[in-house]
Amino acid sequence: MKNALALIIGNNEYALERDRLNNAVNDANDFAAKLMALGFTVNKALNVNEENFERAVTGFGSDLRQYKVGLFYFSGHGLQIEGVNYLTVVDTSFADDISAKHSSYKLDQIIEYMNRADPEIKILILDACRDNPLPSQYRGNQRIGLAPIYAPKGTLIAFSTSPGERAMDSGAGRNSIYTGALLNHINDANIPIEEFFKRVRTSVYNLSNGKQTSWEHTSLIGTFYFNSNDLVHSIELPYRNDAVADEQWQSQGTPVDQIIERLKSYTWDTQKSGMNRIGGLNLKEVDESARFLLGRNVLQTAMGGEFGAQSIMEKLATWLITFQQGIENHVLNGMLYEVYFDSKGRFRSEQFKSDYIDELLRLQTDVRYTESFKFIRQQLIPFKDFVYYLADSPPPVLAIDVFIEKFDYLDFDDKTYTGYRLKSVKHENIELLYPTSNRPHSQTEVSFEDFKNQVKLKLAVPSQYLRLSTNVDIAAVKYIKIPWQMKLSREAANVVEEDTGF
């Protein structure tokens, strides 16, 4: 049984301009990112029509049978008609009650899908009573607010407002007041979900000057914490929990454990002594979980600069053969897992450990290691929206389009020179470059090769299979200005620029 699955839906782009929202998609994106960091497997759908809403919900209901925790979150317009709650899609007609209810989605249907799947804990969070932001600052449509609803056994339903109230579409920067409060408190460690929503309710009430009070109906049995060590990403992982969430690992004093202890020391001399002991292991006494953990720590040690580990990474294909068990190589599985997952067993989403991505993914065409690449592809399925390159055979090529702007500047000798600065990085026409200011201290100047290497590391794609297309002749570009601590993500298109200078 897997841990936690969430479906996140956010709708801004309603058919009529008067019905459109400013922050619902921001809220969905930001809440999805938080849940994923806390260990949820997340499916997300934005600006969906009726058909795609139905597909997302039915798929969620089907997948949920394999999970202990199910969470549904919706941001957008919600309405009640004759006491029945409806969640709207971007092509909902608000002409009249009949049109609206036949082009929206009943909340009861979502609850029914979750009940059929029967996870231990079912959570529904609805930031859904939103008014269109043009004539007023409140959210809601048709009837004011959503109607009270019964929560079946094992279910918590959370509303952004009390029955009959409207919810503010802004008030927390790029988020609604309610989702802003969710985001603010969800990292609070080891508090029961009931206490979490109490803190949210207090913040919403205070920040709205008493105009909005969030509300929950619960029949949960047992205790659930959003921020705990219980939620670990796993898809049929054949390893012990302390090898997956390896911050929990403790040495049992075995020879391989003594090596792993040394590799975790962060001291080169101690790490070196650990690396020197690997060759003397009796591999018949080293189980799959220990091999997996050894692979993770050898990669970490190489990234930390220990020469022996670095030398191994340079001759990885031959070194790994020693650890081969039939068609499986659990040491390589550990190395690949470490690239994408942290010490809690959670997907990194950013800052992959990709320093040795060339050496690791060079093995994707080696038939001896086929099962390891099947393993990591399976682990990355829930995070396909956050991974740009999935190893396969034959290896795919990642095409990135880079737009570079020319500009003139005066140097210290009062002569005018031509400079170059990065304006856009796109994959499949989706902007990846987070906007940043054009102030000098927020930029750095690098060679084009250095820039390409940064793209490789941030997207975790081997150099050999990264193709950059540009609008300028790269031979003429000596240096290029890029954002300091450049960030690349598919969420970039939803981020507002800090100023208009860049």
Protein backbone atom coordinates (compact mmCIF):
# COMPACT_ATOMS: atom_id res chain seq x y z
CA MET A 1 0.00 0.00 0.00
CA LYS A 2 1.40 3.39 -1.02
CA ASN A 3 1.20 6.48 1.14
CA ALA A 4 -0.52 9.64 -0.10
CA LEU A 5 -2.04 10.74 -3.42
CA ALA A 6 -3.38 14.22 -4.18
CA LEU A 7 -5.37 15.64 -7.07
CA ILE A 8 -4.98 19.41 -7.41
CA ILE A 9 -7.25 21.41 -9.74
CA GLY A 10 -7.07 25.16 -10.30
CA ASN A 11 -9.23 27.18 -12.72
CA ASN A 12 -8.59 30.81 -13.68
CA GLU A 13 -9.49 31.07 -17.34
CA TYR A 14 -13.29 30.97 -17.39
CA ALA A 15 -15.02 31.60 -20.72
CA LEU A 16 -16.24 35.10 -19.90
CA GLU A 17 -13.78 37.75 -18.82
CA ARG A 18 -16.01 38.80 -15.93
CA ASP A 19 -15.75 35.31 -14.41
CA ARG A 20 -11.98 34.95 -14.64
CA LEU A 21 -9.81 34.73 -11.54
CA ASN A 22 -6.34 35.99 -10.78
CA ASN A 23 -4.93 33.58 -8.24
CA ALA A 24 -6.63 30.18 -8.49
CA VAL A 25 -3.89 28.67 -10.69
CA ASN A 26 -1.18 30.17 -8.48
CA ASP A 27 -2.87 28.58 -5.49
CA ALA A 28 -3.06 25.18 -7.18
CA ASN A 29 0.59 25.30 -8.28
CA ASP A 30 1.89 26.42 -4.91
CA PHE A 31 -0.19 23.97 -2.88
CA ALA A 32 0.82 21.11 -5.19
CA ALA A 33 4.50 21.98 -4.70
CA LYS A 34 4.07 22.01 -0.92
CA LEU A 35 2.33 18.64 -0.87
CA MET A 36 4.98 17.09 -3.07
CA ALA A 37 7.72 18.38 -0.75
CA LEU A 38 5.85 16.74 2.13
CA GLY A 39 5.79 13.34 0.46
CA PHE A 40 2.55 13.26 -1.52
CA THR A 41 2.34 11.90 -5.04
CA VAL A 42 0.64 14.78 -6.85
CA ASN A 43 -1.52 14.93 -9.97
CA LYS A 44 -2.33 18.44 -11.12
CA ALA A 45 -4.79 19.86 -13.68
CA LEU A 46 -5.09 23.56 -14.53
CA ASN A 47 -7.79 25.47 -16.40
CA VAL A 48 -9.70 22.31 -17.22
CA ASN A 49 -12.92 21.94 -19.18
CA GLU A 50 -15.71 19.55 -18.21
CA GLU A 51 -14.26 16.54 -20.02
CA ASN A 52 -10.77 16.96 -18.58
CA PHE A 53 -12.16 17.55 -15.09
CA GLU A 54 -14.03 14.24 -15.37
CA ARG A 55 -10.92 12.43 -16.64
CA ALA A 56 -8.80 13.82 -13.81
CA VAL A 57 -11.30 12.82 -11.12
CA THR A 58 -11.99 9.32 -12.45
CA GLY A 59 -8.26 8.66 -12.84
CA PHE A 60 -7.71 9.90 -9.29
CA GLY A 61 -10.47 7.64 -8.00
CA SER A 62 -8.95 4.64 -9.74
CA ASP A 63 -5.36 5.29 -8.61
CA LEU A 64 -6.44 6.07 -5.05
CA ARG A 65 -7.21 2.41 -4.35
CA GLN A 66 -3.46 1.87 -3.91
CA TYR A 67 -2.98 4.65 -1.32
CA LYS A 68 -3.58 5.13 2.40
CA VAL A 69 -4.28 8.88 2.12
CA GLY A 70 -6.25 10.70 -0.57
CA LEU A 71 -6.46 14.49 -0.90
CA PHE A 72 -8.53 16.53 -3.35
CA TYR A 73 -7.94 20.29 -3.64
CA PHE A 74 -9.88 22.71 -5.81
CA SER A 75 -9.35 26.42 -6.41
CA GLY A 76 -11.82 28.28 -8.59
CA HIS A 77 -15.49 29.17 -8.68
CA GLY A 78 -17.84 27.08 -6.58
CA LEU A 79 -21.61 27.41 -6.34
CA GLN A 80 -24.64 25.84 -4.70
CA ILE A 81 -27.95 25.22 -6.42
CA GLU A 82 -30.88 23.96 -4.36
CA GLY A 83 -28.48 22.96 -1.58
CA VAL A 84 -26.18 20.93 -3.88
CA ASN A 85 -22.54 21.99 -4.25
CA TYR A 86 -20.92 22.26 -7.68
CA LEU A 87 -17.31 22.90 -8.71
CA THR A 88 -17.06 24.77 -11.96
CA VAL A 89 -14.90 24.22 -15.03
CA VAL A 90 -13.61 26.83 -17.44
CA ASP A 91 -16.51 26.18 -19.84
CA THR A 92 -19.25 26.26 -17.18
CA SER A 93 -22.19 28.40 -18.24
CA PHE A 94 -23.35 30.84 -15.58
CA ALA A 95 -26.39 31.94 -17.60
CA ASP A 96 -28.85 30.36 -15.14
CA ASP A 97 -29.15 27.56 -12.59
CA ILE A 98 -29.98 24.87 -15.13
CA SER A 99 -27.06 25.78 -17.38
CA ALA A 100 -24.67 26.01 -14.46
CA LYS A 101 -25.48 22.67 -12.84
CA HIS A 102 -25.35 20.78 -16.16
CA SER A 103 -21.94 22.21 -17.04
CA SER A 104 -20.30 21.84 -13.60
CA TYR A 105 -19.16 18.94 -11.44
CA LYS A 106 -21.01 17.80 -8.33
CA LEU A 107 -18.88 17.75 -5.21
CA ASP A 108 -20.82 14.64 -4.12
CA GLN A 109 -19.37 12.73 -7.10
CA ILE A 110 -15.81 13.41 -5.97
CA ILE A 111 -16.66 12.26 -2.46
CA GLU A 112 -18.22 9.11 -3.91
CA TYR A 113 -15.10 8.30 -5.98
CA MET A 114 -12.94 8.71 -2.88
CA ASN A 115 -15.28 6.52 -0.80
CA ARG A 116 -15.14 3.75 -3.39
CA ALA A 117 -11.34 3.84 -3.37
CA ASP A 118 -11.54 3.61 0.43
CA PRO A 119 -8.19 5.00 1.60
CA GLU A 120 -7.80 5.25 5.36
CA ILE A 121 -7.91 9.06 5.26
CA LYS A 122 -9.83 11.23 2.80
CA ILE A 123 -9.27 15.01 2.71
CA LEU A 124 -11.08 17.53 0.51
CA ILE A 125 -9.95 21.18 0.53
CA LEU A 126 -12.12 23.67 -1.33
CA ASP A 127 -10.98 27.24 -1.92
CA ALA A 128 -14.01 27.51 -4.10
CA CYS A 129 -16.38 30.33 -3.20
CA ARG A 130 -14.57 32.85 -5.34
CA ASP A 131 -16.09 35.89 -6.94
CA ASN A 132 -14.74 37.29 -10.18
CA PRO A 133 -11.92 39.71 -9.31
CA LEU A 134 -12.93 42.54 -11.67
CA PRO A 135 -15.94 44.14 -9.94
CA SER A 136 -15.07 43.01 -6.41
CA GLN A 137 -12.35 41.41 -4.33
CA TYR A 138 -14.43 38.39 -3.34
CA ARG A 139 -14.87 34.87 -4.72
CA GLY A 140 -18.20 33.14 -5.23
CA ASN A 141 -20.84 32.74 -7.91
CA GLN A 142 -24.58 32.29 -8.24
CA ARG A 143 -25.59 31.55 -4.64
CA ILE A 144 -23.26 32.97 -1.99
CA GLY A 145 -20.90 30.33 -0.64
CA LEU A 146 -21.13 26.58 -0.64
CA ALA A 147 -23.74 24.59 1.26
CA PRO A 148 -22.87 22.57 4.39
CA ILE A 149 -22.15 18.95 3.55
CA TYR A 150 -21.92 15.68 5.44
CA ALA A 151 -18.45 14.13 5.71
CA PRO A 152 -18.55 10.31 5.42
CA LYS A 153 -16.53 8.19 7.84
CA GLY A 154 -12.80 8.79 7.55
CA THR A 155 -13.26 12.09 5.69
CA LEU A 156 -12.39 15.73 6.38
CA ILE A 157 -13.91 18.43 4.17
CA ALA A 158 -12.37 21.89 4.52
CA PHE A 159 -13.99 25.04 3.10
CA SER A 160 -12.31 28.39 2.61
CA THR A 161 -15.40 30.05 4.13
CA SER A 162 -18.23 29.31 6.52
CA PRO A 163 -21.56 28.50 4.85
CA GLY A 164 -23.01 31.57 3.15
CA GLU A 165 -19.75 33.54 3.03
CA ARG A 166 -17.58 34.51 0.08
CA ALA A 167 -13.85 33.91 -0.15
CA MET A 168 -11.28 36.56 -1.05
CA ASP A 169 -9.39 35.90 -4.28
CA SER A 170 -6.36 37.84 -3.06
CA GLY A 171 -4.81 39.05 0.15
CA ALA A 172 -1.70 36.85 0.44
CA GLY A 173 0.50 38.04 -2.42
CA ARG A 174 0.00 35.70 -5.37
CA ASN A 175 -2.44 33.59 -3.34
CA SER A 176 -5.88 33.84 -1.83
CA ILE A 177 -6.03 34.49 1.90
CA TYR A 178 -7.14 30.89 2.52
CA THR A 179 -4.53 29.11 0.41
CA GLY A 180 -1.93 31.56 1.68
CA ALA A 181 -2.76 30.41 5.21
CA LEU A 182 -2.61 26.75 4.15
CA LEU A 183 0.85 27.33 2.68
CA ASN A 184 2.00 29.24 5.75
CA HIS A 185 1.05 26.57 8.29
CA ILE A 186 1.46 23.28 6.41
CA ASN A 187 5.15 22.99 7.31
CA ASP A 188 4.35 23.18 11.05
CA ALA A 189 5.79 19.92 12.32
CA ASN A 190 3.87 17.15 14.06
CA ILE A 191 0.55 18.90 14.60
CA PRO A 192 -2.69 16.94 14.05
CA ILE A 193 -4.71 17.95 11.02
CA GLU A 194 -7.46 19.39 13.22
CA GLU A 195 -4.94 21.73 14.87
CA PHE A 196 -3.53 22.63 11.44
CA PHE A 197 -6.94 23.79 10.20
CA LYS A 198 -7.54 25.68 13.46
CA ARG A 199 -4.35 27.65 12.80
CA VAL A 200 -5.47 28.26 9.22
CA ARG A 201 -8.87 29.46 10.41
CA THR A 202 -7.28 31.89 12.87
CA SER A 203 -5.04 33.37 10.18
CA VAL A 204 -7.90 33.69 7.65
CA TYR A 205 -10.13 35.42 10.18
CA ASN A 206 -7.44 37.86 11.29
CA LEU A 207 -6.10 38.67 7.82
CA SER A 208 -9.59 39.29 6.43
CA ASN A 209 -10.49 41.55 9.37
CA GLY A 210 -13.15 39.11 10.43
CA LYS A 211 -14.89 39.00 7.03
CA GLN A 212 -13.96 35.39 6.28
CA THR A 213 -13.91 32.31 8.51
CA SER A 214 -12.79 28.98 7.14
CA TRP A 215 -14.78 25.91 8.13
CA GLU A 216 -14.35 22.13 8.32
CA HIS A 217 -16.59 19.12 8.68
CA THR A 218 -14.76 16.00 9.83
CA SER A 219 -15.41 12.39 10.67
CA LEU A 220 -11.74 11.36 10.66
CA ILE A 221 -10.76 8.43 12.80
CA GLY A 222 -7.19 8.41 14.03
CA THR A 223 -4.53 11.09 13.66
CA PHE A 224 -2.97 12.58 10.54
CA TYR A 225 -0.07 15.04 10.25
CA PHE A 226 0.81 16.90 7.06
CA ASN A 227 4.41 17.39 8.14
CA SER A 228 5.75 14.14 9.52
CA ASN A 229 8.19 11.50 8.43
CA ASP A 230 5.39 9.10 7.52
CA LEU A 231 4.94 10.19 3.91
CA VAL A 232 7.70 8.80 1.71
CA HIS A 233 7.51 8.54 -2.07
CA SER A 234 7.63 4.89 -3.00
CA ILE A 235 6.45 2.84 -5.94
CA GLU A 236 7.04 -0.78 -5.03
CA LEU A 237 10.49 -0.08 -3.61
CA PRO A 238 12.19 -3.35 -2.65
CA TYR A 239 14.22 -1.71 0.13
CA ARG A 240 13.92 -1.09 3.87
CA ASN A 241 12.38 2.22 4.94
CA ASP A 242 15.66 3.37 6.49
CA ALA A 243 17.42 2.89 3.16
CA VAL A 244 14.78 4.96 1.34
CA ALA A 245 14.43 7.66 4.02
CA ASP A 246 18.06 7.26 4.93
CA GLU A 247 18.10 10.07 7.49
CA GLN A 248 16.55 7.39 9.73
CA TRP A 249 19.38 4.91 9.10
CA GLN A 250 21.46 3.71 12.05
CA SER A 251 24.50 1.48 11.83
CA GLN A 252 24.17 -2.07 13.07
CA GLY A 253 27.95 -2.48 13.11
CA THR A 254 28.17 -4.81 10.11
CA PRO A 255 31.15 -4.36 7.75
CA VAL A 256 29.03 -2.59 5.13
CA ASP A 257 27.41 -0.41 7.81
CA GLN A 258 30.85 0.64 9.03
CA ILE A 259 31.69 1.70 5.48
CA ILE A 260 28.45 3.67 5.11
CA GLU A 261 29.12 5.38 8.47
CA ARG A 262 32.48 6.55 7.18
CA LEU A 263 31.04 7.78 3.89
CA LYS A 264 28.46 9.82 5.81
CA SER A 265 31.17 11.55 7.87
CA TYR A 266 31.79 14.49 5.47
CA THR A 267 35.51 14.21 6.34
CA TRP A 268 37.74 13.24 3.43
CA ASP A 269 40.16 11.12 5.44
CA THR A 270 37.32 9.18 7.07
CA GLN A 271 35.53 8.81 3.74
CA LYS A 272 38.74 7.61 2.12
CA SER A 273 39.10 4.85 4.71
CA GLY A 274 35.50 3.84 3.99
CA MET A 275 36.06 3.76 0.24
CA ASN A 276 39.20 1.64 0.73
CA ARG A 277 37.17 -0.98 2.60
CA ILE A 278 34.60 -1.56 -0.14
CA GLY A 279 36.86 -3.93 -2.06
CA GLY A 280 37.15 -6.19 0.99
CA LEU A 281 33.40 -6.72 1.47
CA ASN A 282 31.98 -10.21 1.39
CA LEU A 283 29.12 -9.36 -0.95
CA LYS A 284 27.22 -12.52 -0.03
CA GLU A 285 26.61 -10.87 3.35
CA VAL A 286 25.39 -7.56 1.88
CA ASP A 287 21.64 -7.48 1.23
CA GLU A 288 19.76 -5.41 -1.35
CA SER A 289 18.96 -2.52 1.00
CA ALA A 290 22.58 -2.18 2.12
CA ARG A 291 23.76 -2.19 -1.51
CA PHE A 292 21.17 0.46 -2.37
CA LEU A 293 22.34 2.62 0.55
CA LEU A 294 25.98 2.08 -0.37
CA GLY A 295 25.28 3.36 -3.90
CA ARG A 296 23.60 6.49 -2.54
CA ASN A 297 26.54 7.27 -0.28
CA VAL A 298 29.26 6.60 -2.86
CA LEU A 299 27.58 9.19 -5.11
CA GLN A 300 27.33 11.68 -2.23
CA THR A 301 30.98 11.09 -1.36
CA ALA A 302 32.08 11.69 -4.96
CA MET A 303 30.08 14.91 -5.09
CA GLY A 304 31.79 15.97 -1.86
CA GLY A 305 35.18 15.72 -3.58
CA GLU A 306 36.71 12.52 -2.19
CA PHE A 307 39.19 11.33 -4.83
CA GLY A 308 38.55 7.59 -4.54
CA ALA A 309 34.82 8.01 -5.04
CA GLN A 310 35.41 10.41 -7.92
CA SER A 311 37.71 7.87 -9.56
CA ILE A 312 34.98 5.22 -9.27
CA MET A 313 32.46 7.49 -11.00
CA GLU A 314 34.87 7.90 -13.91
CA LYS A 315 35.03 4.11 -14.46
CA LEU A 316 31.52 3.36 -13.25
CA ALA A 317 30.50 0.67 -15.74
CA THR A 318 33.35 -1.67 -14.81
CA TRP A 319 33.24 -0.92 -11.08
CA LEU A 320 29.52 -1.73 -10.82
CA ILE A 321 29.92 -5.21 -12.34
CA THR A 322 31.20 -6.49 -9.00
CA PHE A 323 27.78 -5.74 -7.46
CA GLN A 324 25.65 -7.26 -10.21
CA GLN A 325 23.08 -9.84 -9.00
CA GLY A 326 21.60 -11.49 -12.05
CA ILE A 327 19.84 -8.69 -13.92
CA GLU A 328 19.72 -6.39 -10.87
CA ASN A 329 22.25 -3.85 -9.66
CA HIS A 330 21.07 -2.34 -6.39
CA VAL A 331 24.16 -0.13 -6.02
CA LEU A 332 23.34 1.61 -9.31
CA ASN A 333 19.69 1.82 -8.22
CA GLY A 334 20.86 3.71 -5.14
CA MET A 335 22.98 6.12 -7.15
CA LEU A 336 20.14 6.90 -9.55
CA TYR A 337 17.67 7.28 -6.68
CA GLU A 338 19.99 9.71 -4.89
CA VAL A 339 19.99 12.02 -7.93
CA TYR A 340 16.24 12.60 -7.63
CA PHE A 341 15.22 11.82 -4.02
CA ASP A 342 16.39 13.28 -0.71
CA SER A 343 17.20 11.81 2.70
CA LYS A 344 13.49 11.71 3.57
CA GLY A 345 12.74 9.68 0.45
CA ARG A 346 11.00 12.68 -1.11
CA PHE A 347 11.36 13.91 -4.67
CA ARG A 348 13.78 16.82 -4.86
CA SER A 349 11.83 18.68 -7.61
CA GLU A 350 14.74 21.15 -7.83
CA GLN A 351 18.48 20.97 -7.22
CA PHE A 352 18.91 17.43 -8.41
CA LYS A 353 22.22 15.80 -7.46
CA SER A 354 23.27 15.77 -11.08
CA ASP A 355 27.03 16.40 -10.92
CA TYR A 356 27.62 12.90 -12.33
CA ILE A 357 24.60 12.73 -14.61
CA ASP A 358 26.87 12.17 -17.65
CA GLU A 359 28.61 9.20 -16.03
CA LEU A 360 25.39 7.66 -14.70
CA LEU A 361 23.21 8.04 -17.79
CA ARG A 362 25.98 6.89 -20.07
CA LEU A 363 24.98 3.45 -18.79
CA GLN A 364 21.44 3.68 -20.15
CA THR A 365 22.54 1.88 -23.32
CA ASP A 366 24.45 -0.84 -21.42
CA VAL A 367 22.26 -3.96 -21.44
CA ARG A 368 23.78 -5.10 -18.14
CA TYR A 369 22.05 -2.23 -16.35
CA THR A 370 18.69 -2.19 -18.10
CA GLU A 371 16.76 -3.06 -14.93
CA SER A 372 18.23 -0.11 -13.02
CA PHE A 373 16.91 2.34 -15.58
CA LYS A 374 13.51 0.64 -15.53
CA PHE A 375 13.61 1.08 -11.76
CA ILE A 376 14.31 4.82 -11.79
CA ARG A 377 11.80 5.51 -14.59
CA GLN A 378 9.12 3.83 -12.50
CA GLN A 379 10.02 5.93 -9.46
CA LEU A 380 9.80 9.12 -11.54
CA ILE A 381 6.39 8.44 -13.11
CA PRO A 382 4.49 10.53 -10.51
CA PHE A 383 6.86 13.45 -11.13
CA LYS A 384 6.84 13.54 -14.91
CA ASP A 385 5.93 17.24 -14.85
CA PHE A 386 9.13 18.01 -12.94
CA VAL A 387 11.59 15.77 -14.81
CA TYR A 388 12.86 16.84 -18.22
CA TYR A 389 14.93 13.83 -19.15
CA LEU A 390 13.99 10.20 -18.55
CA ALA A 391 16.74 7.71 -19.38
CA ASP A 392 15.77 5.23 -22.05
CA SER A 393 17.19 3.16 -24.88
CA PRO A 394 17.67 4.49 -27.46
CA PRO A 395 18.51 7.66 -25.50
CA PRO A 396 16.21 10.62 -26.19
CA VAL A 397 17.48 14.10 -27.02
CA LEU A 398 16.24 17.08 -24.97
CA ALA A 399 15.69 20.14 -27.18
CA ILE A 400 15.90 23.52 -25.45
CA ASP A 401 15.35 26.88 -27.16
CA VAL A 402 17.39 29.80 -25.79
CA PHE A 403 16.68 33.44 -26.62
CA ILE A 404 19.63 35.80 -26.07
CA GLU A 405 19.29 39.58 -26.25
CA LYS A 406 22.03 41.87 -27.52
CA PHE A 407 22.62 45.17 -25.72
CA ASP A 408 25.15 48.00 -25.94
CA TYR A 409 27.16 49.27 -22.96
CA LEU A 410 29.96 51.70 -22.21
CA ASP A 411 33.10 50.15 -20.75
CA PHE A 412 35.70 51.89 -18.55
CA ASP A 413 37.48 53.17 -21.68
CA ASP A 414 34.25 54.99 -22.75
CA LYS A 415 33.93 52.77 -25.78
CA THR A 416 30.64 51.13 -26.75
CA TYR A 417 30.59 47.33 -26.74
CA THR A 418 27.98 44.71 -27.48
CA GLY A 419 26.90 42.45 -24.64
CA TYR A 420 24.56 39.48 -24.44
CA ARG A 421 22.02 38.52 -21.80
CA LEU A 422 19.68 35.62 -21.37
CA LYS A 423 16.00 36.39 -21.91
CA SER A 424 14.25 33.05 -22.32
CA VAL A 425 14.78 29.30 -21.93
CA LYS A 426 11.98 27.18 -23.37
CA HIS A 427 11.18 23.49 -23.63
CA GLU A 428 8.34 22.56 -25.99
CA ASN A 429 7.39 26.26 -26.03
CA ILE A 430 7.03 26.37 -22.23
CA GLU A 431 9.06 29.05 -20.48
CA LEU A 432 11.45 27.59 -17.90
CA LEU A 433 13.44 30.67 -16.86
CA TYR A 434 12.23 32.23 -13.64
CA PRO A 435 11.95 36.00 -14.07
CA THR A 436 14.41 38.06 -12.08
CA SER A 437 15.42 41.68 -11.77
CA ASN A 438 17.84 43.36 -14.17
CA ARG A 439 19.90 44.87 -11.35
CA PRO A 440 23.63 44.11 -11.72
CA HIS A 441 23.93 42.30 -8.38
CA SER A 442 21.24 39.82 -9.47
CA GLN A 443 23.19 38.71 -12.55
CA THR A 444 26.44 36.96 -13.27
CA GLU A 445 28.50 36.73 -16.46
CA VAL A 446 29.54 33.29 -17.71
CA SER A 447 30.79 31.69 -20.89
CA PHE A 448 28.22 29.97 -23.07
CA GLU A 449 29.74 26.59 -22.18
CA ASP A 450 29.33 27.38 -18.49
CA PHE A 451 25.72 28.35 -19.14
CA LYS A 452 25.10 25.11 -21.02
CA ASN A 453 26.61 23.16 -18.11
CA GLN A 454 24.24 24.91 -15.70
CA VAL A 455 21.29 23.93 -17.88
CA LYS A 456 22.55 20.35 -17.90
CA LEU A 457 22.80 20.20 -14.11
CA LYS A 458 19.50 21.93 -13.39
CA LEU A 459 17.54 19.76 -15.82
CA ALA A 460 19.56 16.59 -15.06
CA VAL A 461 20.21 15.79 -18.72
CA PRO A 462 23.48 14.31 -20.06
CA SER A 463 25.61 16.75 -22.07
CA GLN A 464 25.57 14.40 -25.03
CA TYR A 465 21.77 14.54 -25.30
CA LEU A 466 21.21 18.25 -24.60
CA ARG A 467 20.50 20.34 -27.70
CA LEU A 468 20.44 24.12 -27.31
CA SER A 469 19.06 26.21 -30.19
CA THR A 470 19.74 29.95 -30.02
CA ASN A 471 18.80 33.08 -31.92
CA VAL A 472 22.40 34.35 -32.12
CA ASP A 473 25.70 33.06 -33.47
CA ILE A 474 27.26 31.47 -30.40
CA ALA A 475 30.73 31.80 -31.92
CA ALA A 476 30.37 35.57 -31.50
CA VAL A 477 29.33 35.32 -27.85
CA LYS A 478 32.24 35.43 -25.41
CA TYR A 479 30.17 35.95 -22.27
CA ILE A 480 26.48 35.96 -21.46
CA LYS A 481 24.70 37.58 -18.51
CA ILE A 482 22.42 35.15 -16.71
CA PRO A 483 20.47 35.41 -13.44
CA TRP A 484 22.57 34.75 -10.36
CA GLN A 485 21.43 31.36 -9.03
CA MET A 486 19.49 30.80 -12.25
CA LYS A 487 16.30 28.78 -11.71
CA LEU A 488 14.61 26.69 -14.40
CA SER A 489 11.14 25.23 -13.92
CA ARG A 490 7.89 24.71 -15.79
CA GLU A 491 6.28 26.86 -13.09
CA ALA A 492 8.25 29.89 -14.34
CA ALA A 493 5.41 31.05 -16.60
CA ASN A 494 3.21 31.55 -13.52
CA VAL A 495 5.71 33.74 -11.66
CA VAL A 496 5.45 37.51 -11.81
CA GLU A 497 8.63 39.40 -12.63
CA GLU A 498 10.27 41.33 -9.81
CA ASP A 499 10.57 44.40 -12.01
CA THR A 500 10.32 45.34 -15.67
CA GLY A 501 14.04 45.56 -16.21
CA PHE A 502 14.63 41.94 -17.13
